[in-house]
Amino acid sequence: MHSYKVRTTQRSWSHGHSGKLWQDRFHDRILRQRDSGIEVVEYIFDNPIRRGLVARRRDYPYSGELDVLIPGLLDEPPLPASPHSKM
């Protein structure tokens, strides 16, 4: 991800833009196991619930089609406190 950020920033500068292109608070992580990837997806799908936008994952209009890839994902109850809370 770092090299992508460097390349895109340099390209934007070559087109006359100046300053930052990426926010400082962005942190990328390498997922080492399939299970941790599912936990991250669940964490992301619970964000609208934590923000009080919806009561259930399925109620959020921008949930996409991930329940096709992970059956039942949109029907699960909200997660308890996540180990990924710094995301």
C-alpha atoms as a PDB file:
ATOM      1  CA  MET A   1       0.000   0.000   0.000  1.00  0.00           C
ATOM      2  CA  HIS A   2       2.853   2.362   0.790  1.00  0.00           C
ATOM      3  CA  SER A   3       4.281   2.123  -2.720  1.00  0.00           C
ATOM      4  CA  TYR A   4       0.810   2.738  -4.163  1.00  0.00           C
ATOM      5  CA  LYS A   5       0.454   5.884  -2.061  1.00  0.00           C
ATOM      6  CA  VAL A   6       3.894   7.104  -3.150  1.00  0.00           C
ATOM      7  CA  ARG A   7       3.149   6.501  -6.849  1.00  0.00           C
ATOM      8  CA  THR A   8      -0.262   8.159  -6.770  1.00  0.00           C
ATOM      9  CA  THR A   9       1.061  11.155  -4.840  1.00  0.00           C
ATOM     10  CA  GLN A  10       3.947  11.623  -7.282  1.00  0.00           C
ATOM     11  CA  ARG A  11       1.568  11.341 -10.207  1.00  0.00           C
ATOM     12  CA  SER A  12      -0.771  13.965  -8.746  1.00  0.00           C
ATOM     13  CA  TRP A  13       2.220  16.281  -8.212  1.00  0.00           C
ATOM     14  CA  SER A  14       3.263  15.780 -11.850  1.00  0.00           C
ATOM     15  CA  HIS A  15      -0.180  17.100 -12.832  1.00  0.00           C
ATOM     16  CA  GLY A  16       0.350  20.290 -10.850  1.00  0.00           C
ATOM     17  CA  HIS A  17      -1.255  19.397  -7.535  1.00  0.00           C
ATOM     18  CA  SER A  18       0.623  20.087  -4.327  1.00  0.00           C
ATOM     19  CA  GLY A  19       0.357  18.970  -0.749  1.00  0.00           C
ATOM     20  CA  LYS A  20      -0.910  15.740   0.759  1.00  0.00           C
ATOM     21  CA  LEU A  21      -3.018  13.275  -1.161  1.00  0.00           C
ATOM     22  CA  TRP A  22      -3.477  10.694   1.602  1.00  0.00           C
ATOM     23  CA  GLN A  23      -4.651  11.134   5.179  1.00  0.00           C
ATOM     24  CA  ASP A  24      -2.128  10.427   7.915  1.00  0.00           C
ATOM     25  CA  ARG A  25      -4.496   8.254   9.883  1.00  0.00           C
ATOM     26  CA  PHE A  26      -4.800   5.560   7.220  1.00  0.00           C
ATOM     27  CA  HIS A  27      -3.267   2.317   8.418  1.00  0.00           C
ATOM     28  CA  ASP A  28      -3.088  -0.747   6.253  1.00  0.00           C
ATOM     29  CA  ARG A  29      -2.717  -4.201   7.706  1.00  0.00           C
ATOM     30  CA  ILE A  30      -1.671  -7.527   6.244  1.00  0.00           C
ATOM     31  CA  LEU A  31      -4.180 -10.260   6.948  1.00  0.00           C
ATOM     32  CA  ARG A  32      -2.333 -13.446   7.727  1.00  0.00           C
ATOM     33  CA  GLN A  33      -5.246 -15.852   8.025  1.00  0.00           C
ATOM     34  CA  ARG A  34      -8.610 -16.195   6.303  1.00  0.00           C
ATOM     35  CA  ASP A  35     -10.431 -15.949   9.644  1.00  0.00           C
ATOM     36  CA  SER A  36      -8.934 -12.550  10.381  1.00  0.00           C
ATOM     37  CA  GLY A  37     -10.204 -11.337   6.992  1.00  0.00           C
ATOM     38  CA  ILE A  38     -13.745 -12.335   7.909  1.00  0.00           C
ATOM     39  CA  GLU A  39     -13.393 -10.548  11.263  1.00  0.00           C
ATOM     40  CA  VAL A  40     -12.344  -7.362   9.447  1.00  0.00           C
ATOM     41  CA  VAL A  41     -15.304  -7.627   7.052  1.00  0.00           C
ATOM     42  CA  GLU A  42     -17.650  -8.116  10.022  1.00  0.00           C
ATOM     43  CA  TYR A  43     -16.112  -5.126  11.776  1.00  0.00           C
ATOM     44  CA  ILE A  44     -16.669  -2.960   8.687  1.00  0.00           C
ATOM     45  CA  PHE A  45     -20.260  -4.143   8.299  1.00  0.00           C
ATOM     46  CA  ASP A  46     -20.930  -3.268  11.950  1.00  0.00           C
ATOM     47  CA  ASN A  47     -19.719   0.339  11.566  1.00  0.00           C
ATOM     48  CA  PRO A  48     -23.172   1.721  10.574  1.00  0.00           C
ATOM     49  CA  ILE A  49     -24.669  -0.025  13.612  1.00  0.00           C
ATOM     50  CA  ARG A  50     -22.036   1.463  15.956  1.00  0.00           C
ATOM     51  CA  ARG A  51     -22.716   4.911  14.488  1.00  0.00           C
ATOM     52  CA  GLY A  52     -26.449   4.498  15.112  1.00  0.00           C
ATOM     53  CA  LEU A  53     -27.376   4.647  11.417  1.00  0.00           C
ATOM     54  CA  VAL A  54     -29.183   1.295  11.372  1.00  0.00           C
ATOM     55  CA  ALA A  55     -30.218  -1.442  13.785  1.00  0.00           C
ATOM     56  CA  ARG A  56     -29.161  -4.372  11.591  1.00  0.00           C
ATOM     57  CA  ARG A  57     -26.425  -4.893   8.995  1.00  0.00           C
ATOM     58  CA  ARG A  58     -29.001  -5.692   6.318  1.00  0.00           C
ATOM     59  CA  ASP A  59     -30.695  -2.307   6.845  1.00  0.00           C
ATOM     60  CA  TYR A  60     -27.690  -0.324   5.593  1.00  0.00           C
ATOM     61  CA  PRO A  61     -28.310   0.494   1.904  1.00  0.00           C
ATOM     62  CA  TYR A  62     -24.626   0.369   0.929  1.00  0.00           C
ATOM     63  CA  SER A  63     -23.889  -3.137   2.195  1.00  0.00           C
ATOM     64  CA  GLY A  64     -23.353  -4.475  -1.314  1.00  0.00           C
ATOM     65  CA  GLU A  65     -23.436  -8.126  -2.214  1.00  0.00           C
ATOM     66  CA  LEU A  66     -20.958  -9.531   0.303  1.00  0.00           C
ATOM     67  CA  ASP A  67     -23.609 -11.786   1.790  1.00  0.00           C
ATOM     68  CA  VAL A  68     -23.334 -13.761  -1.460  1.00  0.00           C
ATOM     69  CA  LEU A  69     -19.654 -14.413  -0.706  1.00  0.00           C
ATOM     70  CA  ILE A  70     -20.143 -14.912   3.031  1.00  0.00           C
ATOM     71  CA  PRO A  71     -23.674 -16.347   3.451  1.00  0.00           C
ATOM     72  CA  GLY A  72     -25.488 -14.960   6.472  1.00  0.00           C
ATOM     73  CA  LEU A  73     -23.120 -12.018   6.935  1.00  0.00           C
ATOM     74  CA  LEU A  74     -25.885  -9.445   6.715  1.00  0.00           C
ATOM     75  CA  ASP A  75     -28.145 -11.392   9.101  1.00  0.00           C
ATOM     76  CA  GLU A  76     -25.665 -11.620  11.980  1.00  0.00           C
ATOM     77  CA  PRO A  77     -26.240  -9.541  15.112  1.00  0.00           C
ATOM     78  CA  PRO A  78     -23.820  -6.699  15.867  1.00  0.00           C
ATOM     79  CA  LEU A  79     -20.422  -7.771  17.098  1.00  0.00           C
ATOM     80  CA  PRO A  80     -19.317  -7.150  20.659  1.00  0.00           C
ATOM     81  CA  ALA A  81     -16.215  -5.017  21.159  1.00  0.00           C
ATOM     82  CA  SER A  82     -13.798  -5.915  18.394  1.00  0.00           C
ATOM     83  CA  PRO A  83     -10.047  -6.495  18.717  1.00  0.00           C
ATOM     84  CA  HIS A  84      -9.823  -4.266  15.596  1.00  0.00           C
ATOM     85  CA  SER A  85     -11.274  -1.218  17.383  1.00  0.00           C
ATOM     86  CA  LYS A  86      -8.367   1.002  16.285  1.00  0.00           C
ATOM     87  CA  MET A  87      -9.444   0.774  12.640  1.00  0.00           C
END
